[in-house]
Amino acid sequence: MSGQPLNLEGDLVELTRAICDIESVSGNEKELADAIESALAKYSHLEVIRDGDAIVARTNFGHVTRVVIAGHIDTVPVANNLPIKLLPMEREQVLWGRGTVDMKAGVAVQLKLAATLDKTNTDVTWVFYDHEEVEASLNGLGRIARNRPDLLDASFAVLCEPSNAQVEGGCNGTIRVEVRARGVKAHSARSWMGKNAVHASAEILNRLNAYEPQSVEVDGLVYRESMNAVLISGGMATNVIPDECVVTVNYRFAPSKSGDEATAHLRELFDGFEVAVTDLSEGARPGLDLPEAAAFVAATGSTPKPKYGWTDVARFSALGIPAVNFGPGDPNKAHADDENVPVSQIFACEAALRTWLTAS
């Protein structure tokens, strides 16, 4: 499909296949961004704006309210799972391949609606952004928030991340720290002359093993926390007693905690060791008690669930905009080699969003 213009008014499954088959691993989004910009530019009811490889298309119907509906166009690296295949699986058809779940099926829904909804009950800003799957400093939504915050001005936002076509409210925060044990170098034949930092790091692991993650209720949803060692490194040679060992710990914390509180919790847990924060992203409360969120839940017929992973709803939350996750695909299949999305969920999300945006 690469090189062919996108048909935004045709079959939704074929549109999903088309954008999935335009490979757009993070850093290589230009071809897909070009195709999206070109396709949306044909519609007179949309104002199309480009920021790097992010495309913003918005209506200006003059409504007193505006919502943002956003999705990222990049994927993790391909693993022999392109081009996309339409396959029978269990009781229904699925689209199989890279990007089907995370999150081009959701992007296809956005594109179809952006093109075909020339009358809505609110103004809509459609955002298709780059660099979500890499470090936060490159994130296209964050770049828009810095360069053109006016483009994200809204009373409510929907992020079309995979959520099994059900509303997932807010998201956990995430923090990564390096917990460092110190020692003294010595020749391994005279180990008593030194202090083994790798051995000392056993206490770090013992504390992690004994740690019991919490389940925390926030605005009616229960968020499961987790804390794990994800990397460990130490030593410089096989005949040298190591003088340093570093355990990298990832803590996923409920959105009731701030980043500062999560940091303090880790420093307390690993008291006696050096703790250095290497990455921190705040969580987002679900905000389901707000009128906009309640109306969206009602329109989609969802029973809201918590989002355990971090998503860009947190960026909207930081801007003071309540946001939810709602998109086709099982989050557990994101990034998997057998990534696949049920076709029925793509149509279900398109229908729910259309109903929400056109209801009188």
Protein backbone atom coordinates (compact mmCIF):
# COMPACT_ATOMS: atom_id res chain seq x y z
CA MET A 1 0.00 0.00 0.00
CA SER A 2 3.02 2.28 0.45
CA GLY A 3 2.99 5.21 -1.97
CA GLN A 4 -0.76 5.02 -2.65
CA PRO A 5 -3.04 7.79 -1.33
CA LEU A 6 -5.09 6.95 1.74
CA ASN A 7 -8.82 6.51 1.14
CA LEU A 8 -10.37 7.92 4.31
CA GLU A 9 -13.94 7.33 3.18
CA GLY A 10 -13.56 3.69 2.17
CA ASP A 11 -13.55 0.46 4.13
CA LEU A 12 -12.20 0.95 7.66
CA VAL A 13 -10.38 -2.39 7.70
CA GLU A 14 -8.60 -1.58 4.46
CA LEU A 15 -7.67 1.86 5.81
CA THR A 16 -6.15 0.21 8.87
CA ARG A 17 -4.17 -2.17 6.66
CA ALA A 18 -2.97 0.71 4.50
CA ILE A 19 -1.55 2.79 7.33
CA CYS A 20 -0.05 -0.28 9.03
CA ASP A 21 1.75 -1.24 5.83
CA ILE A 22 3.44 2.17 5.75
CA GLU A 23 6.28 1.25 8.12
CA SER A 24 6.70 4.00 10.71
CA VAL A 25 9.04 2.78 13.41
CA SER A 26 9.87 5.69 15.74
CA GLY A 27 12.09 8.12 13.85
CA ASN A 28 10.75 6.98 10.49
CA GLU A 29 7.27 8.54 10.59
CA LYS A 30 7.70 10.99 7.71
CA GLU A 31 6.13 8.85 4.96
CA LEU A 32 3.02 8.12 7.03
CA ALA A 33 2.81 11.73 8.24
CA ASP A 34 2.99 12.90 4.62
CA ALA A 35 0.21 10.50 3.63
CA ILE A 36 -2.02 11.62 6.52
CA GLU A 37 -1.43 15.31 5.83
CA SER A 38 -2.18 14.87 2.13
CA ALA A 39 -5.35 12.87 2.78
CA LEU A 40 -6.77 15.29 5.36
CA ALA A 41 -5.95 18.40 3.31
CA LYS A 42 -8.74 17.49 0.87
CA TYR A 43 -11.48 18.24 3.41
CA SER A 44 -12.69 21.83 3.60
CA HIS A 45 -14.14 21.42 7.09
CA LEU A 46 -10.66 20.73 8.52
CA GLU A 47 -7.81 23.12 9.26
CA VAL A 48 -4.62 21.06 8.88
CA ILE A 49 -1.44 22.03 10.71
CA ARG A 50 1.92 20.22 10.75
CA ASP A 51 4.54 20.22 13.50
CA GLY A 52 7.49 18.05 12.53
CA ASP A 53 5.95 14.67 11.79
CA ALA A 54 2.82 15.39 13.82
CA ILE A 55 -0.39 16.34 12.02
CA VAL A 56 -3.19 18.32 13.67
CA ALA A 57 -6.56 18.64 11.96
CA ARG A 58 -9.31 20.66 13.61
CA THR A 59 -12.83 21.80 12.96
CA ASN A 60 -13.83 25.40 13.51
CA PHE A 61 -17.62 25.16 13.55
CA GLY A 62 -17.94 27.78 16.28
CA HIS A 63 -19.11 25.49 19.08
CA VAL A 64 -18.54 26.67 22.65
CA THR A 65 -16.78 23.40 23.49
CA ARG A 66 -13.86 21.52 21.96
CA VAL A 67 -12.45 18.03 22.49
CA VAL A 68 -9.13 16.52 21.45
CA ILE A 69 -8.92 13.00 20.03
CA ALA A 70 -5.32 11.86 19.70
CA GLY A 71 -3.19 8.92 18.66
CA HIS A 72 0.45 8.25 17.85
CA ILE A 73 1.54 7.07 14.40
CA ASP A 74 4.85 5.41 15.28
CA THR A 75 5.44 1.79 16.23
CA VAL A 76 8.11 -0.32 17.85
CA PRO A 77 10.47 -2.14 15.42
CA VAL A 78 9.03 -4.61 12.94
CA ALA A 79 9.57 -8.31 13.74
CA ASN A 80 8.70 -10.12 10.51
CA ASN A 81 5.09 -8.99 11.04
CA LEU A 82 4.56 -6.76 8.00
CA PRO A 83 2.72 -6.64 5.65
CA ILE A 84 -0.57 -6.89 7.51
CA LYS A 85 -2.71 -10.02 7.17
CA LEU A 86 -6.45 -10.48 7.61
CA LEU A 87 -6.82 -13.81 9.43
CA PRO A 88 -9.60 -15.92 10.92
CA MET A 89 -8.95 -16.48 14.63
CA GLU A 90 -11.25 -18.24 17.06
CA ARG A 91 -14.69 -16.69 16.46
CA GLU A 92 -13.81 -13.65 14.39
CA GLN A 93 -11.44 -12.07 11.95
CA VAL A 94 -8.36 -10.19 13.11
CA LEU A 95 -5.84 -7.89 11.50
CA TRP A 96 -2.42 -9.34 12.30
CA GLY A 97 0.87 -7.46 12.25
CA ARG A 98 2.92 -4.61 13.61
CA GLY A 99 0.93 -1.56 14.61
CA THR A 100 -2.51 -3.16 14.47
CA VAL A 101 -2.92 -2.82 18.25
CA ASP A 102 -0.44 -0.11 19.16
CA MET A 103 -2.03 1.86 17.74
CA LYS A 104 -2.84 2.23 14.07
CA ALA A 105 -6.30 0.68 14.32
CA GLY A 106 -7.15 3.58 16.63
CA VAL A 107 -5.50 6.03 14.22
CA ALA A 108 -7.58 4.59 11.35
CA VAL A 109 -10.74 5.24 13.37
CA GLN A 110 -9.60 8.82 13.93
CA LEU A 111 -8.88 9.37 10.24
CA LYS A 112 -12.22 7.93 9.12
CA LEU A 113 -14.15 10.14 11.54
CA ALA A 114 -12.09 13.26 10.86
CA ALA A 115 -12.85 12.95 7.16
CA THR A 116 -16.51 12.01 7.32
CA LEU A 117 -17.83 14.06 10.24
CA ASP A 118 -18.45 17.50 8.78
CA LYS A 119 -21.07 18.19 11.45
CA THR A 120 -20.46 17.51 15.15
CA ASN A 121 -21.91 18.61 18.48
CA THR A 122 -18.54 20.05 19.56
CA ASP A 123 -15.46 21.26 17.78
CA VAL A 124 -12.86 18.53 17.45
CA THR A 125 -9.07 18.63 17.28
CA TRP A 126 -7.65 15.45 15.76
CA VAL A 127 -3.98 14.85 16.65
CA PHE A 128 -1.71 12.32 14.92
CA TYR A 129 1.70 12.50 16.56
CA ASP A 130 5.16 10.98 16.33
CA HIS A 131 7.82 9.52 18.64
CA GLU A 132 5.59 8.05 21.35
CA GLU A 133 7.47 4.75 21.60
CA VAL A 134 10.82 6.32 22.54
CA GLU A 135 12.16 8.60 25.26
CA ALA A 136 9.73 11.17 26.58
CA SER A 137 11.82 14.15 25.42
CA LEU A 138 11.09 13.26 21.77
CA ASN A 139 7.34 12.73 22.17
CA GLY A 140 5.42 14.60 19.48
CA LEU A 141 2.46 15.39 21.74
CA GLY A 142 4.85 16.89 24.26
CA ARG A 143 6.47 18.91 21.49
CA ILE A 144 3.10 20.31 20.42
CA ALA A 145 2.33 21.18 24.05
CA ARG A 146 5.59 23.17 24.15
CA ASN A 147 5.45 24.75 20.67
CA ARG A 148 1.71 25.27 20.20
CA PRO A 149 -0.19 24.71 23.45
CA ASP A 150 -3.17 26.47 21.88
CA LEU A 151 -3.65 23.47 19.57
CA LEU A 152 -4.40 21.26 22.58
CA ASP A 153 -6.82 23.63 24.26
CA ALA A 154 -9.95 21.59 25.07
CA SER A 155 -12.35 20.60 27.83
CA PHE A 156 -11.82 16.85 27.36
CA ALA A 157 -9.50 14.46 25.52
CA VAL A 158 -9.64 10.90 24.25
CA LEU A 159 -6.46 8.95 23.55
CA CYS A 160 -7.14 6.08 21.14
CA GLU A 161 -4.65 3.74 22.83
CA PRO A 162 -5.70 0.06 22.84
CA SER A 163 -8.23 -0.64 25.58
CA ASN A 164 -10.31 -3.51 24.17
CA ALA A 165 -12.87 -0.93 23.00
CA GLN A 166 -13.67 -0.05 26.62
CA VAL A 167 -12.93 3.14 28.54
CA GLU A 168 -9.78 2.99 30.63
CA GLY A 169 -9.47 5.93 32.99
CA GLY A 170 -6.26 7.74 33.89
CA CYS A 171 -3.01 5.83 34.15
CA ASN A 172 -0.37 4.79 36.63
CA GLY A 173 2.75 6.89 36.96
CA THR A 174 6.17 5.39 36.31
CA ILE A 175 9.57 6.07 37.81
CA ARG A 176 12.94 4.41 37.23
CA VAL A 177 15.76 4.71 39.70
CA GLU A 178 19.29 3.36 39.93
CA VAL A 179 19.97 1.90 43.37
CA ARG A 180 23.74 1.74 43.86
CA ALA A 181 25.72 -0.47 46.23
CA ARG A 182 29.33 0.54 46.85
CA GLY A 183 32.33 -1.66 47.59
CA VAL A 184 36.12 -1.70 47.42
CA LYS A 185 38.15 -3.20 44.58
CA ALA A 186 40.62 -5.96 45.27
CA HIS A 187 42.22 -8.91 43.51
CA SER A 188 39.83 -11.86 43.69
CA ALA A 189 42.68 -13.98 45.09
CA ARG A 190 42.82 -11.59 48.06
CA SER A 191 39.13 -10.78 48.32
CA TRP A 192 39.41 -10.00 52.05
CA MET A 193 41.27 -6.83 51.06
CA GLY A 194 38.13 -5.47 49.39
CA LYS A 195 34.37 -5.28 49.75
CA ASN A 196 32.12 -6.97 47.16
CA ALA A 197 29.46 -4.55 45.89
CA VAL A 198 27.60 -7.31 44.03
CA HIS A 199 27.20 -9.21 47.28
CA ALA A 200 26.06 -6.02 48.99
CA SER A 201 23.37 -5.58 46.34
CA ALA A 202 21.67 -8.73 47.65
CA GLU A 203 20.04 -6.53 50.29
CA ILE A 204 18.48 -4.41 47.53
CA LEU A 205 16.99 -7.54 45.97
CA ASN A 206 15.87 -8.83 49.37
CA ARG A 207 13.93 -5.64 49.98
CA LEU A 208 12.31 -5.94 46.56
CA ASN A 209 11.38 -9.57 47.18
CA ALA A 210 9.78 -8.63 50.49
CA TYR A 211 7.94 -5.64 49.05
CA GLU A 212 4.17 -6.02 48.70
CA PRO A 213 2.74 -3.76 45.97
CA GLN A 214 -0.47 -1.93 46.80
CA SER A 215 -3.82 -1.79 45.07
CA VAL A 216 -5.09 1.77 45.41
CA GLU A 217 -8.62 3.03 44.73
CA VAL A 218 -8.67 6.37 42.91
CA ASP A 219 -11.97 7.97 41.88
CA GLY A 220 -13.70 4.61 41.97
CA LEU A 221 -11.09 2.64 39.99
CA VAL A 222 -8.54 0.30 41.59
CA TYR A 223 -4.99 0.70 40.29
CA ARG A 224 -2.48 -2.10 40.83
CA GLU A 225 1.02 -0.89 41.61
CA SER A 226 4.19 -2.84 40.85
CA MET A 227 7.86 -2.56 41.71
CA ASN A 228 10.57 -4.61 40.04
CA ALA A 229 14.27 -4.83 39.36
CA VAL A 230 14.58 -4.52 35.59
CA LEU A 231 18.36 -4.29 35.15
CA ILE A 232 21.44 -5.13 37.20
CA SER A 233 25.10 -4.43 36.45
CA GLY A 234 28.35 -4.71 38.36
CA GLY A 235 31.95 -5.77 38.03
CA MET A 236 34.73 -5.01 35.56
CA ALA A 237 36.70 -8.26 35.25
CA THR A 238 36.52 -11.87 36.38
CA ASN A 239 39.51 -11.51 38.72
CA VAL A 240 38.51 -8.22 40.37
CA ILE A 241 36.22 -7.77 43.36
CA PRO A 242 33.56 -5.29 42.11
CA ASP A 243 33.40 -1.93 43.83
CA GLU A 244 30.00 -0.98 42.42
CA CYS A 245 26.73 -2.68 41.58
CA VAL A 246 23.68 -0.90 40.20
CA VAL A 247 20.13 -2.26 40.31
CA THR A 248 17.64 -0.40 38.12
CA VAL A 249 14.17 -0.43 39.68
CA ASN A 250 10.91 0.45 37.92
CA TYR A 251 8.02 1.51 40.15
CA ARG A 252 4.54 1.86 38.64
CA PHE A 253 2.58 3.95 41.13
CA ALA A 254 -1.11 4.79 41.47
CA PRO A 255 -2.19 8.22 40.19
CA SER A 256 -3.09 9.26 43.72
CA LYS A 257 0.67 9.68 44.32
CA SER A 258 2.73 12.51 42.92
CA GLY A 259 6.13 11.92 41.37
CA ASP A 260 7.74 13.49 44.45
CA GLU A 261 5.86 11.09 46.72
CA ALA A 262 6.91 8.11 44.61
CA THR A 263 10.52 9.27 44.77
CA ALA A 264 10.37 9.68 48.54
CA HIS A 265 8.85 6.20 48.86
CA LEU A 266 11.76 4.67 46.94
CA ARG A 267 14.37 6.58 48.92
CA GLU A 268 12.80 5.34 52.14
CA LEU A 269 12.60 1.75 50.90
CA PHE A 270 16.26 1.73 49.86
CA ASP A 271 17.58 3.71 52.80
CA GLY A 272 21.33 3.13 53.15
CA PHE A 273 21.90 2.95 49.40
CA GLU A 274 22.39 5.67 46.81
CA VAL A 275 19.18 6.27 44.83
CA ALA A 276 19.27 8.28 41.58
CA VAL A 277 16.13 9.01 39.56
CA THR A 278 16.70 8.37 35.83
CA ASP A 279 13.14 8.70 34.48
CA LEU A 280 9.85 9.95 35.91
CA SER A 281 6.40 10.40 34.41
CA GLU A 282 3.46 11.46 36.54
CA GLY A 283 0.27 9.42 36.46
CA ALA A 284 -3.20 10.77 35.71
CA ARG A 285 -6.33 10.53 37.81
CA PRO A 286 -9.30 9.14 35.85
CA GLY A 287 -11.54 12.15 36.43
CA LEU A 288 -14.61 10.05 35.69
CA ASP A 289 -16.68 12.21 38.01
CA LEU A 290 -16.37 15.14 35.57
CA PRO A 291 -19.39 15.78 33.32
CA GLU A 292 -17.41 15.39 30.09
CA ALA A 293 -16.02 12.02 31.14
CA ALA A 294 -19.37 10.79 32.40
CA ALA A 295 -21.00 11.71 29.09
CA PHE A 296 -18.32 9.87 27.15
CA VAL A 297 -18.69 6.74 29.28
CA ALA A 298 -22.46 6.81 28.76
CA ALA A 299 -22.13 7.29 25.00
CA THR A 300 -19.72 4.38 24.64
CA GLY A 301 -21.66 2.04 26.91
CA SER A 302 -18.45 1.19 28.77
CA THR A 303 -17.75 -0.04 32.26
CA PRO A 304 -14.59 1.97 33.01
CA LYS A 305 -11.40 0.20 34.03
CA PRO A 306 -8.05 1.52 35.25
CA LYS A 307 -5.07 1.85 32.90
CA TYR A 308 -2.12 0.15 34.59
CA GLY A 309 0.48 1.29 32.07
CA TRP A 310 1.53 4.89 31.44
CA THR A 311 -0.01 6.67 28.47
CA ASP A 312 -0.18 10.21 27.18
CA VAL A 313 -3.41 10.85 29.06
CA ALA A 314 -0.95 12.02 31.70
CA ARG A 315 0.20 14.81 29.38
CA PHE A 316 -3.38 16.01 29.03
CA SER A 317 -3.86 15.74 32.78
CA ALA A 318 -0.78 17.95 33.31
CA LEU A 319 -2.43 20.55 31.04
CA GLY A 320 -5.57 20.43 33.17
CA ILE A 321 -7.54 18.50 30.54
CA PRO A 322 -9.38 15.37 31.75
CA ALA A 323 -8.67 12.43 29.43
CA VAL A 324 -9.44 8.75 28.97
CA ASN A 325 -8.03 5.88 26.92
CA PHE A 326 -10.42 4.36 24.37
CA GLY A 327 -9.32 2.32 21.39
CA PRO A 328 -9.42 -1.07 19.66
CA GLY A 329 -7.06 -3.87 20.60
CA ASP A 330 -5.89 -5.79 23.64
CA PRO A 331 -3.10 -3.85 25.43
CA ASN A 332 -1.48 -7.19 26.24
CA LYS A 333 -0.86 -7.66 22.50
CA ALA A 334 0.92 -4.31 22.11
CA HIS A 335 4.52 -4.81 20.92
CA ALA A 336 4.02 -8.59 20.61
CA ASP A 337 5.32 -10.42 17.54
CA ASP A 338 1.78 -11.75 17.02
CA GLU A 339 0.18 -8.34 17.52
CA ASN A 340 -3.40 -8.52 16.24
CA VAL A 341 -6.69 -6.66 16.66
CA PRO A 342 -10.24 -8.01 16.30
CA VAL A 343 -11.95 -6.36 13.35
CA SER A 344 -15.14 -6.04 15.43
CA GLN A 345 -13.38 -3.77 17.92
CA ILE A 346 -12.28 -1.37 15.18
CA PHE A 347 -15.88 -0.95 14.03
CA ALA A 348 -17.13 -0.74 17.64
CA CYS A 349 -14.80 2.14 18.47
CA GLU A 350 -15.68 3.99 15.28
CA ALA A 351 -19.40 3.65 16.00
CA ALA A 352 -19.08 4.72 19.64
CA LEU A 353 -17.03 7.81 18.85
CA ARG A 354 -19.35 8.74 15.98
CA THR A 355 -22.37 8.48 18.28
CA TRP A 356 -20.69 10.57 20.97
CA LEU A 357 -19.68 13.32 18.53
CA THR A 358 -23.03 13.55 16.77
CA ALA A 359 -25.58 13.01 19.54
CA SER A 360 -27.89 15.96 20.00
